[in-house]
């Protein structure tokens, strides 16, 4: 009989295109995934992976077996959901994927609360971009995806996914002291033209939104520094190297020399969760969603522009509507 864990490893390699990417998605080491594939090859007496340059490729036999594995894993998931629903308790493993500031600003409190409410639930967290998280949820590689998008840049959501909204995350213009816009109480979108931008790299939903917003204002943005972490963006802004549009969720207090100014109309991110519709009755899903909803008013979000350090530390507790 074919081992389910080895089939899962092969399916992950087929979906992600490499052993390393499969390992990251499964939460294993590349060596562990390679060992699972090697055991499956001995078990089936079939060559499943072939060397191609520095990577590997699936053989025709592996492609057929991976397609079968996908159907088998879907049936196993249905059985697990039915059993968990019958017990009425959140048990087993729950793999959650989240964008970076969601993982930092919302999930620590939510996952800690979930551990108290459901001690038999083994929750794992994977940080990844909303595009990737959505695809992983649709393919069944994660159980729950915490994502964000913008009204002008909606995230494509497959039909097999259900959705639960948490709220809106405002975005401020961050700039160094002494910048010409520092004296403005509110900055209009037309004022954003002619700036040197610090932003996440292309292919990220926040970058796509920035480009679209500035193009609508009549300018192709000049993104001079492309960095993935908002903390690095803020450090570059503090050094006077440019400006950035940075969300409040998980941002924390700003360092000396960096100012926040509201933008009109106010840009906001929509934060929500996605999961497979067939798992909607699974107690682990409903419990996780409940914990995230309860923690959304208490999230770690920077207060609005002009708030002092004390308010910054207490911002999440005093501003539940943001």
Protein backbone atom coordinates (compact mmCIF):
# COMPACT_ATOMS: atom_id res chain seq x y z
CA UNK A 1 0.00 0.00 0.00
CA UNK A 2 1.30 3.44 -0.90
CA UNK A 3 2.30 5.63 2.04
CA UNK A 4 0.15 8.76 2.36
CA UNK A 5 3.00 10.97 3.60
CA UNK A 6 5.14 10.04 0.59
CA UNK A 7 2.26 10.77 -1.77
CA UNK A 8 1.85 14.14 -0.08
CA UNK A 9 5.54 14.89 -0.63
CA UNK A 10 5.32 13.98 -4.34
CA UNK A 11 2.19 16.09 -4.76
CA UNK A 12 3.93 19.07 -3.15
CA UNK A 13 6.91 18.76 -5.51
CA UNK A 14 4.50 18.59 -8.47
CA UNK A 15 2.65 21.69 -7.32
CA UNK A 16 5.64 23.83 -6.30
CA UNK A 17 8.12 22.69 -8.93
CA UNK A 18 11.07 21.88 -6.69
CA UNK A 19 12.02 19.90 -3.63
CA UNK A 20 13.01 23.05 -1.75
CA UNK A 21 9.71 24.82 -2.40
CA UNK A 22 7.78 21.68 -1.50
CA UNK A 23 9.70 21.42 1.77
CA UNK A 24 8.88 25.04 2.64
CA UNK A 25 5.18 24.46 1.97
CA UNK A 26 5.07 21.26 4.03
CA UNK A 27 7.18 22.58 6.89
CA UNK A 28 9.92 19.97 6.37
CA UNK A 29 13.56 20.12 5.34
CA UNK A 30 14.48 19.50 1.68
CA UNK A 31 16.38 16.40 2.84
CA UNK A 32 13.25 14.98 4.47
CA UNK A 33 11.20 15.52 1.29
CA UNK A 34 13.93 13.91 -0.84
CA UNK A 35 13.96 10.91 1.47
CA UNK A 36 10.18 10.55 1.16
CA UNK A 37 10.44 10.62 -2.64
CA UNK A 38 13.28 8.08 -2.62
CA UNK A 39 11.24 5.72 -0.44
CA UNK A 40 8.26 6.16 -2.78
CA UNK A 41 10.48 5.29 -5.75
CA UNK A 42 11.56 2.07 -4.04
CA UNK A 43 8.00 1.36 -3.02
CA UNK A 44 6.68 1.77 -6.57
CA UNK A 45 9.85 0.53 -8.32
CA UNK A 46 9.56 3.60 -10.52
CA UNK A 47 11.82 6.56 -11.22
CA UNK A 48 9.86 9.65 -10.15
CA UNK A 49 12.38 12.50 -10.28
CA UNK A 50 14.99 13.27 -12.91
CA UNK A 51 17.88 15.70 -12.61
CA UNK A 52 17.61 18.76 -14.84
CA UNK A 53 20.39 21.28 -14.46
CA UNK A 54 20.44 22.29 -10.81
CA UNK A 55 16.85 21.16 -10.22
CA UNK A 56 14.62 18.16 -10.73
CA UNK A 57 11.67 17.32 -12.96
CA UNK A 58 8.87 14.82 -12.54
CA UNK A 59 8.83 11.83 -14.89
CA UNK A 60 5.65 10.93 -16.77
CA UNK A 61 4.96 8.24 -14.20
CA UNK A 62 5.40 10.76 -11.39
CA UNK A 63 2.98 13.20 -13.05
CA UNK A 64 0.31 10.48 -13.21
CA UNK A 65 0.95 9.42 -9.61
CA UNK A 66 0.85 13.05 -8.41
CA UNK A 67 -2.57 13.52 -10.05
CA UNK A 68 -3.82 10.43 -8.24
CA UNK A 69 -2.27 11.72 -5.01
CA UNK A 70 -4.24 14.94 -5.33
CA UNK A 71 -7.51 13.00 -5.47
CA UNK A 72 -6.47 10.75 -2.58
CA UNK A 73 -5.49 13.72 -0.39
CA UNK A 74 -8.83 15.40 -1.12
CA UNK A 75 -10.69 12.27 0.02
CA UNK A 76 -8.54 12.06 3.16
CA UNK A 77 -9.33 15.68 3.95
CA UNK A 78 -13.06 15.02 3.58
CA UNK A 79 -12.79 12.07 5.97
CA UNK A 80 -10.83 14.12 8.51
CA UNK A 81 -13.37 16.94 8.36
CA UNK A 82 -16.25 14.49 8.86
CA UNK A 83 -14.58 12.84 11.86
CA UNK A 84 -13.64 16.15 13.46
CA UNK A 85 -17.14 17.48 12.91
CA UNK A 86 -18.63 14.35 14.50
CA UNK A 87 -16.44 14.75 17.57
CA UNK A 88 -17.32 18.43 17.72
CA UNK A 89 -13.78 19.32 18.82
CA UNK A 90 -10.97 21.13 17.05
CA UNK A 91 -8.20 18.55 16.79
CA UNK A 92 -5.47 17.50 14.38
CA UNK A 93 -3.22 19.92 12.53
CA UNK A 94 -4.18 23.35 11.16
CA UNK A 95 -1.74 25.02 8.75
CA UNK A 96 -2.24 28.78 8.44
CA UNK A 97 -0.58 30.96 5.78
CA UNK A 98 -0.42 34.73 6.28
CA UNK A 99 1.13 37.86 4.84
CA UNK A 100 3.95 39.34 6.93
CA UNK A 101 2.21 42.14 8.83
CA UNK A 102 -0.82 39.93 9.46
CA UNK A 103 1.49 37.33 10.97
CA UNK A 104 3.04 40.03 13.15
CA UNK A 105 0.07 42.26 13.98
CA UNK A 106 -2.91 39.88 14.23
CA UNK A 107 -1.88 36.26 14.56
CA UNK A 108 0.27 36.20 17.73
CA UNK A 109 -2.74 37.09 19.87
CA UNK A 110 -5.17 34.99 17.84
CA UNK A 111 -3.01 31.86 17.85
CA UNK A 112 -2.28 32.21 21.56
CA UNK A 113 -6.02 32.46 22.24
CA UNK A 114 -6.66 29.48 19.97
CA UNK A 115 -4.15 27.39 21.90
CA UNK A 116 -6.08 28.10 25.10
CA UNK A 117 -9.46 27.34 23.54
CA UNK A 118 -8.35 24.25 21.59
CA UNK A 119 -5.39 22.61 23.37
CA UNK A 120 -5.58 19.49 21.17
CA UNK A 121 -5.21 21.51 17.95
CA UNK A 122 -1.71 21.63 16.44
CA UNK A 123 -1.49 24.99 14.65
CA UNK A 124 1.38 25.76 12.25
CA UNK A 125 2.12 29.14 10.62
CA UNK A 126 3.66 29.88 7.24
CA UNK A 127 4.45 33.46 6.16
CA UNK A 128 3.91 34.12 2.46
CA UNK A 129 2.48 36.65 0.01
CA UNK A 130 -1.33 36.78 -0.45
CA UNK A 131 -1.04 35.57 -4.05
CA UNK A 132 0.82 32.46 -2.96
CA UNK A 133 -1.31 31.93 0.16
CA UNK A 134 -4.49 31.99 -1.92
CA UNK A 135 -3.14 29.44 -4.38
CA UNK A 136 -1.99 27.18 -1.53
CA UNK A 137 -5.42 27.33 0.12
CA UNK A 138 -7.16 26.52 -3.16
CA UNK A 139 -4.87 23.51 -3.72
CA UNK A 140 -5.34 22.25 -0.17
CA UNK A 141 -1.73 22.82 0.89
CA UNK A 142 -2.79 25.10 3.76
CA UNK A 143 -6.02 24.99 5.72
CA UNK A 144 -6.49 28.72 6.21
CA UNK A 145 -5.02 31.75 4.42
CA UNK A 146 -4.98 35.19 6.04
CA UNK A 147 -4.66 37.64 3.15
CA UNK A 148 -5.07 41.29 2.22
CA UNK A 149 -5.90 43.26 -0.88
CA UNK A 150 -7.12 46.67 -2.03
CA UNK A 151 -10.42 47.67 -3.58
CA UNK A 152 -8.57 48.88 -6.68
CA UNK A 153 -6.35 45.77 -6.71
CA UNK A 154 -8.58 42.84 -5.68
CA UNK A 155 -7.04 39.46 -5.01
CA UNK A 156 -8.24 36.78 -7.45
CA UNK A 157 -10.10 34.25 -5.30
CA UNK A 158 -10.88 30.79 -6.74
CA UNK A 159 -14.49 29.65 -6.54
CA UNK A 160 -13.68 26.73 -4.24
CA UNK A 161 -12.67 29.13 -1.43
CA UNK A 162 -14.91 30.70 1.22
CA UNK A 163 -14.15 34.08 2.77
CA UNK A 164 -14.49 35.85 6.14
CA UNK A 165 -13.72 39.57 6.43
CA UNK A 166 -11.90 40.92 9.50
CA UNK A 167 -11.68 44.65 8.75
CA UNK A 168 -9.79 47.48 7.09
CA UNK A 169 -6.15 48.43 7.61
CA UNK A 170 -5.41 52.14 6.90
CA UNK A 171 -2.21 53.18 5.13
CA UNK A 172 -0.19 56.34 5.82
CA UNK A 173 2.47 58.19 3.86
CA UNK A 174 5.73 57.92 5.78
CA UNK A 175 8.38 60.55 5.09
CA UNK A 176 11.51 61.93 6.70
CA UNK A 177 11.53 65.12 8.74
CA UNK A 178 12.31 68.09 6.56
CA UNK A 179 10.49 66.67 3.55
CA UNK A 180 8.43 69.29 1.64
CA UNK A 181 5.22 67.40 2.48
CA UNK A 182 6.01 67.20 6.21
CA UNK A 183 4.07 70.40 6.89
CA UNK A 184 0.88 69.10 5.25
CA UNK A 185 -1.90 67.92 7.54
CA UNK A 186 -3.31 65.74 4.75
CA UNK A 187 -1.63 64.67 1.51
CA UNK A 188 -3.62 64.31 -1.71
CA UNK A 189 -2.84 61.67 -4.32
CA UNK A 190 -1.67 64.38 -6.74
CA UNK A 191 0.93 65.42 -4.12
CA UNK A 192 2.46 61.96 -4.42
CA UNK A 193 3.85 62.66 -7.86
CA UNK A 194 7.55 63.32 -8.26
CA UNK A 195 8.61 61.28 -5.19
CA UNK A 196 11.38 58.74 -4.80
CA UNK A 197 9.54 55.64 -3.60
CA UNK A 198 10.54 52.89 -1.24
CA UNK A 199 8.31 49.85 -1.76
CA UNK A 200 8.08 46.09 -1.84
CA UNK A 201 9.31 44.38 -5.04
CA UNK A 202 7.11 43.79 -8.11
CA UNK A 203 4.85 40.76 -7.92
CA UNK A 204 3.71 41.73 -4.43
CA UNK A 205 0.12 42.95 -4.11
CA UNK A 206 1.20 46.11 -2.24
CA UNK A 207 3.59 47.01 -5.07
CA UNK A 208 0.83 46.41 -7.63
CA UNK A 209 -1.46 48.72 -5.69
CA UNK A 210 1.15 51.51 -5.45
CA UNK A 211 1.82 51.40 -9.19
CA UNK A 212 -1.88 51.47 -10.04
CA UNK A 213 -2.61 54.31 -7.60
CA UNK A 214 0.15 56.55 -8.94
CA UNK A 215 -0.69 55.78 -12.54
CA UNK A 216 -4.25 56.91 -11.83
CA UNK A 217 -2.72 60.13 -10.45
CA UNK A 218 -0.96 60.59 -13.78
CA UNK A 219 2.57 59.37 -13.07
CA UNK A 220 4.67 56.27 -13.48
CA UNK A 221 6.16 55.73 -9.98
CA UNK A 222 9.92 55.93 -9.49
CA UNK A 223 10.56 53.01 -7.10
CA UNK A 224 14.22 53.44 -6.25
CA UNK A 225 14.42 50.96 -3.35
CA UNK A 226 12.65 47.59 -3.49
CA UNK A 227 12.68 45.80 -0.13
CA UNK A 228 10.37 43.13 1.22
CA UNK A 229 10.11 44.18 4.87
CA UNK A 230 8.31 47.29 6.04
CA UNK A 231 10.85 47.69 8.86
CA UNK A 232 13.60 48.07 6.26
CA UNK A 233 11.48 50.52 4.30
CA UNK A 234 11.03 52.65 7.43
CA UNK A 235 14.79 52.55 8.11
CA UNK A 236 15.46 53.82 4.58
CA UNK A 237 12.86 56.57 5.06
CA UNK A 238 14.52 57.56 8.34
CA UNK A 239 17.79 57.93 6.41
CA UNK A 240 16.09 60.44 4.11
CA UNK A 241 16.27 58.22 1.02
CA UNK A 242 12.64 58.39 -0.04
CA UNK A 243 9.01 58.05 1.02
CA UNK A 244 6.69 55.07 1.37
CA UNK A 245 3.06 54.13 1.85
CA UNK A 246 3.05 51.80 4.84
CA UNK A 247 0.02 50.11 6.48
CA UNK A 248 -0.58 50.40 10.21
CA UNK A 249 -1.12 46.70 10.98
CA UNK A 250 1.96 45.38 12.75
CA UNK A 251 3.88 48.59 12.07
CA UNK A 252 4.67 49.64 15.64
CA UNK A 253 5.91 53.07 16.78
CA UNK A 254 7.90 55.06 14.23
CA UNK A 255 11.57 55.83 14.90
CA UNK A 256 12.78 59.40 15.39
CA UNK A 257 12.98 61.33 12.16
CA UNK A 258 10.03 59.58 10.46
CA UNK A 259 6.62 61.23 10.17
CA UNK A 260 3.25 59.77 9.18
CA UNK A 261 0.73 61.77 7.16
CA UNK A 262 -2.77 60.67 6.15
CA UNK A 263 -3.59 60.46 2.45
CA UNK A 264 -6.86 61.66 0.92
CA UNK A 265 -8.69 59.65 -0.23
CA UNK A 266 -7.56 57.29 2.52
CA UNK A 267 -6.00 54.09 1.17
CA UNK A 268 -7.03 50.98 3.12
CA UNK A 269 -6.23 47.30 2.84
CA UNK A 270 -8.96 44.71 3.28
CA UNK A 271 -7.88 41.91 5.61
CA UNK A 272 -9.71 38.58 5.45
CA UNK A 273 -9.36 34.81 5.61
CA UNK A 274 -9.83 32.18 2.91
CA UNK A 275 -10.40 28.43 3.22
CA UNK A 276 -11.83 25.59 1.15
CA UNK A 277 -15.61 25.50 1.19
CA UNK A 278 -15.64 21.76 1.79
CA UNK A 279 -13.87 22.36 5.12
CA UNK A 280 -16.30 25.05 6.33
CA UNK A 281 -17.85 22.75 8.94
CA UNK A 282 -14.50 21.68 10.33
CA UNK A 283 -14.33 22.75 14.02
CA UNK A 284 -10.67 23.77 13.66
CA UNK A 285 -11.59 26.26 10.93
CA UNK A 286 -14.52 27.75 12.82
CA UNK A 287 -12.46 27.99 16.03
CA UNK A 288 -9.54 29.70 14.26
CA UNK A 289 -11.83 32.19 12.54
CA UNK A 290 -13.55 32.99 15.85
CA UNK A 291 -10.21 33.63 17.56
CA UNK A 292 -9.06 35.91 14.72
CA UNK A 293 -12.32 37.87 14.74
CA UNK A 294 -12.11 38.30 18.51
CA UNK A 295 -8.50 39.49 18.30
CA UNK A 296 -9.00 41.88 15.38
CA UNK A 297 -10.09 44.76 17.70
CA UNK A 298 -6.98 44.09 19.82
CA UNK A 299 -4.55 43.81 16.92
CA UNK A 300 -1.12 45.42 17.01
CA UNK A 301 -1.72 48.43 14.77
CA UNK A 302 0.01 51.79 14.83
CA UNK A 303 -2.24 54.72 15.78
CA UNK A 304 -3.05 57.40 13.26
CA UNK A 305 -0.66 60.21 12.32
CA UNK A 306 0.11 62.64 15.11
CA UNK A 307 -0.26 60.17 17.98
CA UNK A 308 2.57 60.11 20.49
CA UNK A 309 4.65 57.16 21.71
CA UNK A 310 2.23 56.34 24.54
CA UNK A 311 -0.68 56.13 22.15
CA UNK A 312 1.45 54.08 19.76
CA UNK A 313 1.98 51.44 22.42
CA UNK A 314 -1.71 51.39 23.35
CA UNK A 315 -3.07 51.99 19.87
CA UNK A 316 -4.41 48.51 19.27
CA UNK A 317 -6.43 48.50 22.49
CA UNK A 318 -7.81 52.03 22.14
CA UNK A 319 -8.72 51.96 18.47
CA UNK A 320 -10.76 48.82 17.84
CA UNK A 321 -12.43 50.22 14.74
CA UNK A 322 -9.27 50.44 12.63
